Every structure is written in C-alpha cells, then in structure tokens.
Amino acid sequence: MKQVKLNSSTIGGKAGFILMAGPCVLENETSAMKIAAYLKKLTDKLEIPFIFKASYDKANRTSIAAYRGPGVRAGLKILKNIREKIGAPV
C-alpha cells in the first residue's frame, strides 16, 4: 500500500493507526467546531494522529427533501475554519 504524507502524519503502508472522524454531514459551524475540538483534544491526549472528516453535500440521500449539508462554499469555509482554529487537518 502506498504511503501518503499529510502535514505531520503518514497514512498507509506500515504507518500506524490514524483516526479520520467527524459528523456524517456538516450541520452548522458551531457543532462542527465542538466536535473537531473534542476529537483533537482526545487524539492529542492519546497521541493518535487525527484528520477531521465531514461532508458538505450528501447527494446520496434516499429522500429528495432530506438535508444534504450546507453546500460547497459554506462547507469549505467551515472546514477551513476548523483547520485554522482547531489545528486539525481536514
């Protein structure tokens, strides 16, 4: 398996465990920041590399009326703020 370098973490190959986690879909910036801050604090304490992951446009919903996310522009802004304010790669 090929290794990929992301900031200070290495993913794949013989690299150790890395946690990629976050909500399935972004609902709002406040909840996303709280989740990211909690996961960052936890993974820092456990010395586990962490990448924040969340979707900003879930097109694969079973109902056309279901919430899909904040959209590309708003979603990327939230992810940028998480990267800058929390210090977690996204």
C-alpha atoms as a PDB file:
ATOM      1  CA  MET A   1       0.000   0.000   0.000  1.00  0.00           C
ATOM      2  CA  LYS A   2       1.300   3.441  -0.905  1.00  0.00           C
ATOM      3  CA  GLN A   3       2.115   5.904   1.873  1.00  0.00           C
ATOM      4  CA  VAL A   4       0.813   9.468   1.737  1.00  0.00           C
ATOM      5  CA  LYS A   5       2.145  12.365   3.827  1.00  0.00           C
ATOM      6  CA  LEU A   6      -0.462  14.773   5.243  1.00  0.00           C
ATOM      7  CA  ASN A   7       1.017  17.561   7.367  1.00  0.00           C
ATOM      8  CA  SER A   8       2.928  15.711  10.093  1.00  0.00           C
ATOM      9  CA  SER A   9       1.063  12.407   9.614  1.00  0.00           C
ATOM     10  CA  THR A  10       1.794   9.492   7.311  1.00  0.00           C
ATOM     11  CA  ILE A  11      -1.130   7.411   6.080  1.00  0.00           C
ATOM     12  CA  GLY A  12      -0.977   3.922   4.605  1.00  0.00           C
ATOM     13  CA  GLY A  13       1.757   1.366   4.231  1.00  0.00           C
ATOM     14  CA  LYS A  14       3.338   0.498   7.550  1.00  0.00           C
ATOM     15  CA  ALA A  15       2.224   3.744   9.175  1.00  0.00           C
ATOM     16  CA  GLY A  16       0.380   3.340  12.454  1.00  0.00           C
ATOM     17  CA  PHE A  17      -3.256   3.970  13.252  1.00  0.00           C
ATOM     18  CA  ILE A  18      -4.738   7.337  12.275  1.00  0.00           C
ATOM     19  CA  LEU A  19      -8.242   8.500  13.202  1.00  0.00           C
ATOM     20  CA  MET A  20     -10.318  10.086  10.444  1.00  0.00           C
ATOM     21  CA  ALA A  21     -13.545  11.157  12.128  1.00  0.00           C
ATOM     22  CA  GLY A  22     -16.295  13.736  12.252  1.00  0.00           C
ATOM     23  CA  PRO A  23     -20.013  14.043  11.619  1.00  0.00           C
ATOM     24  CA  CYS A  24     -21.513  12.357   8.569  1.00  0.00           C
ATOM     25  CA  VAL A  25     -22.659  15.737   7.265  1.00  0.00           C
ATOM     26  CA  LEU A  26     -21.921  19.285   8.429  1.00  0.00           C
ATOM     27  CA  GLU A  27     -24.989  20.800  10.057  1.00  0.00           C
ATOM     28  CA  ASN A  28     -23.555  24.115  11.265  1.00  0.00           C
ATOM     29  CA  GLU A  29     -20.209  25.627  12.159  1.00  0.00           C
ATOM     30  CA  THR A  30     -20.815  25.646  15.914  1.00  0.00           C
ATOM     31  CA  SER A  31     -21.440  21.908  16.203  1.00  0.00           C
ATOM     32  CA  ALA A  32     -18.640  21.082  13.746  1.00  0.00           C
ATOM     33  CA  MET A  33     -16.153  23.159  15.772  1.00  0.00           C
ATOM     34  CA  LYS A  34     -17.235  21.488  19.030  1.00  0.00           C
ATOM     35  CA  ILE A  35     -16.852  18.017  17.529  1.00  0.00           C
ATOM     36  CA  ALA A  36     -13.471  18.858  15.978  1.00  0.00           C
ATOM     37  CA  ALA A  37     -12.165  20.422  19.207  1.00  0.00           C
ATOM     38  CA  TYR A  38     -13.236  17.393  21.252  1.00  0.00           C
ATOM     39  CA  LEU A  39     -11.679  14.902  18.833  1.00  0.00           C
ATOM     40  CA  LYS A  40      -8.457  16.942  18.567  1.00  0.00           C
ATOM     41  CA  LYS A  41      -8.117  17.146  22.358  1.00  0.00           C
ATOM     42  CA  LEU A  42      -8.781  13.410  22.727  1.00  0.00           C
ATOM     43  CA  THR A  43      -6.380  12.333  19.981  1.00  0.00           C
ATOM     44  CA  ASP A  44      -3.673  14.702  21.248  1.00  0.00           C
ATOM     45  CA  LYS A  45      -4.009  13.144  24.714  1.00  0.00           C
ATOM     46  CA  LEU A  46      -3.805   9.628  23.257  1.00  0.00           C
ATOM     47  CA  GLU A  47      -1.050  10.633  20.806  1.00  0.00           C
ATOM     48  CA  ILE A  48      -3.095   9.451  17.822  1.00  0.00           C
ATOM     49  CA  PRO A  49      -2.853  11.336  14.502  1.00  0.00           C
ATOM     50  CA  PHE A  50      -6.225  12.879  13.605  1.00  0.00           C
ATOM     51  CA  ILE A  51      -7.902  14.135  10.427  1.00  0.00           C
ATOM     52  CA  PHE A  52     -11.315  15.811  10.631  1.00  0.00           C
ATOM     53  CA  LYS A  53     -13.751  14.458   8.041  1.00  0.00           C
ATOM     54  CA  ALA A  54     -17.277  15.619   7.259  1.00  0.00           C
ATOM     55  CA  SER A  55     -19.383  16.022   4.125  1.00  0.00           C
ATOM     56  CA  TYR A  56     -20.759  19.366   2.982  1.00  0.00           C
ATOM     57  CA  ASP A  57     -23.036  17.934   0.266  1.00  0.00           C
ATOM     58  CA  LYS A  58     -24.513  14.462   0.784  1.00  0.00           C
ATOM     59  CA  ALA A  59     -26.084  13.801  -2.597  1.00  0.00           C
ATOM     60  CA  ASN A  60     -26.838  10.152  -1.800  1.00  0.00           C
ATOM     61  CA  ARG A  61     -29.961  10.739   0.295  1.00  0.00           C
ATOM     62  CA  THR A  62     -32.983   8.455  -0.040  1.00  0.00           C
ATOM     63  CA  SER A  63     -35.414  11.382   0.089  1.00  0.00           C
ATOM     64  CA  ILE A  64     -35.212  14.429  -2.145  1.00  0.00           C
ATOM     65  CA  ALA A  65     -36.366  16.517   0.834  1.00  0.00           C
ATOM     66  CA  ALA A  66     -33.609  15.247   3.181  1.00  0.00           C
ATOM     67  CA  TYR A  67     -30.914  17.641   4.417  1.00  0.00           C
ATOM     68  CA  ARG A  68     -27.820  17.415   2.199  1.00  0.00           C
ATOM     69  CA  GLY A  69     -25.489  19.784   4.029  1.00  0.00           C
ATOM     70  CA  PRO A  70     -24.528  23.454   3.843  1.00  0.00           C
ATOM     71  CA  GLY A  71     -23.242  23.267   0.257  1.00  0.00           C
ATOM     72  CA  VAL A  72     -19.781  23.689  -1.230  1.00  0.00           C
ATOM     73  CA  ARG A  73     -18.954  27.315  -0.360  1.00  0.00           C
ATOM     74  CA  ALA A  74     -20.314  27.289   3.193  1.00  0.00           C
ATOM     75  CA  GLY A  75     -18.964  23.790   3.820  1.00  0.00           C
ATOM     76  CA  LEU A  76     -15.446  24.612   2.662  1.00  0.00           C
ATOM     77  CA  LYS A  77     -15.495  27.746   4.829  1.00  0.00           C
ATOM     78  CA  ILE A  78     -16.399  25.640   7.881  1.00  0.00           C
ATOM     79  CA  LEU A  79     -13.647  23.125   7.103  1.00  0.00           C
ATOM     80  CA  LYS A  80     -11.124  25.946   6.604  1.00  0.00           C
ATOM     81  CA  ASN A  81     -12.057  27.416   9.985  1.00  0.00           C
ATOM     82  CA  ILE A  82     -11.646  24.017  11.649  1.00  0.00           C
ATOM     83  CA  ARG A  83      -8.205  23.623  10.094  1.00  0.00           C
ATOM     84  CA  GLU A  84      -7.124  27.127  11.152  1.00  0.00           C
ATOM     85  CA  LYS A  85      -8.760  27.407  14.599  1.00  0.00           C
ATOM     86  CA  ILE A  86      -8.565  23.812  15.839  1.00  0.00           C
ATOM     87  CA  GLY A  87      -5.342  22.884  14.061  1.00  0.00           C
ATOM     88  CA  ALA A  88      -6.675  19.647  12.610  1.00  0.00           C
ATOM     89  CA  PRO A  89      -6.102  18.625   9.012  1.00  0.00           C
ATOM     90  CA  VAL A  90      -9.345  18.195   7.085  1.00  0.00           C
END
